[in-house]
C-alpha atoms as a PDB file:
ATOM      1  CA  MET A   1       0.229   0.031  -0.005  1.00  0.00           C
ATOM      2  CA  PRO A   2       2.109   2.971  -1.328  1.00  0.00           C
ATOM      3  CA  ALA A   3       0.095   5.542   0.923  1.00  0.00           C
ATOM      4  CA  LEU A   4       1.048   3.928   3.827  1.00  0.00           C
ATOM      5  CA  ARG A   5       4.526   3.343   3.031  1.00  0.00           C
ATOM      6  CA  GLU A   6       4.927   7.420   2.176  1.00  0.00           C
ATOM      7  CA  ALA A   7       3.365   8.375   5.234  1.00  0.00           C
ATOM      8  CA  ILE A   8       5.877   6.376   7.108  1.00  0.00           C
ATOM      9  CA  VAL A   9       8.951   7.561   4.879  1.00  0.00           C
ATOM     10  CA  GLU A  10       7.650  11.230   4.912  1.00  0.00           C
ATOM     11  CA  GLY A  11       7.118  11.198   8.768  1.00  0.00           C
ATOM     12  CA  VAL A  12       3.438  11.861   9.143  1.00  0.00           C
ATOM     13  CA  LEU A  13       3.599   8.504  10.863  1.00  0.00           C
ATOM     14  CA  PRO A  14       6.713   9.214  13.228  1.00  0.00           C
ATOM     15  CA  PRO A  15       8.538   6.406  14.678  1.00  0.00           C
ATOM     16  CA  GLY A  16       6.693   4.611  17.338  1.00  0.00           C
ATOM     17  CA  SER A  17       3.353   5.462  15.917  1.00  0.00           C
ATOM     18  CA  ARG A  18       0.885   2.479  16.452  1.00  0.00           C
ATOM     19  CA  LEU A  19      -0.487   1.083  12.912  1.00  0.00           C
ATOM     20  CA  SER A  20      -4.007   0.114  13.939  1.00  0.00           C
ATOM     21  CA  GLU A  21      -5.328  -1.767  10.977  1.00  0.00           C
ATOM     22  CA  VAL A  22      -8.992  -0.835  11.755  1.00  0.00           C
ATOM     23  CA  GLN A  23      -8.071   2.601  11.814  1.00  0.00           C
ATOM     24  CA  ILE A  24      -5.922   3.140   8.643  1.00  0.00           C
ATOM     25  CA  ALA A  25      -8.067   0.915   6.626  1.00  0.00           C
ATOM     26  CA  LYS A  26     -10.912   3.083   7.320  1.00  0.00           C
ATOM     27  CA  GLN A  27      -8.897   6.164   6.310  1.00  0.00           C
ATOM     28  CA  LEU A  28      -7.594   4.704   3.398  1.00  0.00           C
ATOM     29  CA  ASN A  29     -11.019   3.086   2.472  1.00  0.00           C
ATOM     30  CA  VAL A  30      -9.876  -0.289   2.213  1.00  0.00           C
ATOM     31  CA  SER A  31     -10.705  -3.581   4.029  1.00  0.00           C
ATOM     32  CA  ARG A  32      -8.749  -4.949   6.744  1.00  0.00           C
ATOM     33  CA  THR A  33      -7.216  -7.964   4.613  1.00  0.00           C
ATOM     34  CA  PRO A  34      -5.258  -5.643   2.380  1.00  0.00           C
ATOM     35  CA  MET A  35      -4.405  -3.464   5.268  1.00  0.00           C
ATOM     36  CA  ARG A  36      -2.789  -6.803   7.322  1.00  0.00           C
ATOM     37  CA  GLU A  37      -0.806  -7.586   4.275  1.00  0.00           C
ATOM     38  CA  ALA A  38       0.388  -4.196   3.686  1.00  0.00           C
ATOM     39  CA  VAL A  39       1.633  -4.104   7.432  1.00  0.00           C
ATOM     40  CA  ILE A  40       3.460  -7.289   6.800  1.00  0.00           C
ATOM     41  CA  GLN A  41       5.069  -5.947   3.824  1.00  0.00           C
ATOM     42  CA  LEU A  42       6.179  -2.978   5.704  1.00  0.00           C
ATOM     43  CA  GLU A  43       7.491  -5.257   8.379  1.00  0.00           C
ATOM     44  CA  ARG A  44       9.494  -7.123   5.655  1.00  0.00           C
ATOM     45  CA  GLU A  45      10.777  -3.643   4.617  1.00  0.00           C
ATOM     46  CA  VAL A  46      11.956  -2.704   8.113  1.00  0.00           C
ATOM     47  CA  LEU A  47       9.652   0.002   8.334  1.00  0.00           C
ATOM     48  CA  ALA A  48       7.231  -1.460  10.980  1.00  0.00           C
ATOM     49  CA  THR A  49       7.535  -4.060  13.565  1.00  0.00           C
ATOM     50  CA  ILE A  50       4.722  -6.201  14.404  1.00  0.00           C
ATOM     51  CA  LEU A  51       4.683  -7.654  17.977  1.00  0.00           C
ATOM     52  CA  PRO A  52       2.394 -10.679  18.956  1.00  0.00           C
ATOM     53  CA  ARG A  53      -0.612  -9.462  21.104  1.00  0.00           C
ATOM     54  CA  VAL A  54       0.644  -5.655  21.168  1.00  0.00           C
ATOM     55  CA  GLY A  55       0.228  -4.888  17.518  1.00  0.00           C
ATOM     56  CA  ALA A  56       2.229  -3.228  14.703  1.00  0.00           C
ATOM     57  CA  HIS A  57       4.328   0.095  15.006  1.00  0.00           C
ATOM     58  CA  VAL A  58       6.456   2.124  12.859  1.00  0.00           C
ATOM     59  CA  ARG A  59       9.797   1.183  13.162  1.00  0.00           C
ATOM     60  CA  THR A  60      12.383   3.504  14.865  1.00  0.00           C
ATOM     61  CA  VAL A  61      15.671   3.954  13.235  1.00  0.00           C
ATOM     62  CA  THR A  62      18.638   3.645  15.312  1.00  0.00           C
ATOM     63  CA  ARG A  63      22.135   5.030  15.072  1.00  0.00           C
ATOM     64  CA  ARG A  64      23.399   1.608  13.994  1.00  0.00           C
ATOM     65  CA  ASP A  65      20.655   1.453  11.367  1.00  0.00           C
ATOM     66  CA  VAL A  66      21.951   4.632   9.987  1.00  0.00           C
ATOM     67  CA  GLU A  67      25.682   3.522  10.069  1.00  0.00           C
ATOM     68  CA  GLU A  68      24.672   0.431   8.019  1.00  0.00           C
ATOM     69  CA  ILE A  69      22.596   2.416   5.471  1.00  0.00           C
ATOM     70  CA  TYR A  70      25.532   4.685   4.891  1.00  0.00           C
ATOM     71  CA  THR A  71      28.053   1.856   4.731  1.00  0.00           C
ATOM     72  CA  VAL A  72      26.146  -0.002   2.300  1.00  0.00           C
ATOM     73  CA  ARG A  73      25.402   3.071   0.230  1.00  0.00           C
ATOM     74  CA  ALA A  74      29.186   4.372   0.203  1.00  0.00           C
ATOM     75  CA  ALA A  75      30.163   0.453  -1.259  1.00  0.00           C
ATOM     76  CA  LEU A  76      27.288   0.751  -3.838  1.00  0.00           C
ATOM     77  CA  GLU A  77      28.529   4.108  -4.849  1.00  0.00           C
ATOM     78  CA  CYS A  78      32.080   3.077  -5.259  1.00  0.00           C
ATOM     79  CA  LEU A  79      30.875   0.131  -7.404  1.00  0.00           C
ATOM     80  CA  ALA A  80      28.687   2.339  -9.629  1.00  0.00           C
ATOM     81  CA  VAL A  81      32.025   4.611 -10.339  1.00  0.00           C
ATOM     82  CA  GLN A  82      34.102   1.440 -10.958  1.00  0.00           C
ATOM     83  CA  LYS A  83      31.509   0.316 -13.171  1.00  0.00           C
ATOM     84  CA  ALA A  84      31.116   3.640 -14.994  1.00  0.00           C
ATOM     85  CA  ALA A  85      34.924   4.230 -15.389  1.00  0.00           C
ATOM     86  CA  ALA A  86      35.205   0.921 -17.097  1.00  0.00           C
ATOM     87  CA  ARG A  87      32.711   1.863 -19.648  1.00  0.00           C
ATOM     88  CA  THR A  88      34.276   5.144 -20.397  1.00  0.00           C
ATOM     89  CA  THR A  89      35.637   6.030 -24.012  1.00  0.00           C
ATOM     90  CA  PRO A  90      38.095   8.462 -25.329  1.00  0.00           C
ATOM     91  CA  LEU A  91      35.204  10.678 -26.388  1.00  0.00           C
END
């Protein structure tokens, strides 16, 4: 559900916010089944945390998460530069 993902990424739903399937399904005018699947997908994407008998919440990004993201990003950018340099021509 792109609208829910965007709300999390843009900070409309801040870290720690409860993701009530019933409430969000009503707001987005969808049934609970696709809403439930959307929350499960958000957990796979590490944007939400689902705890049994507690519910789903927007995941809080930790300092370690940010460090890992930037480490991976730096490695990918280096690889992209290497690939681009290998394809250069005299022109």
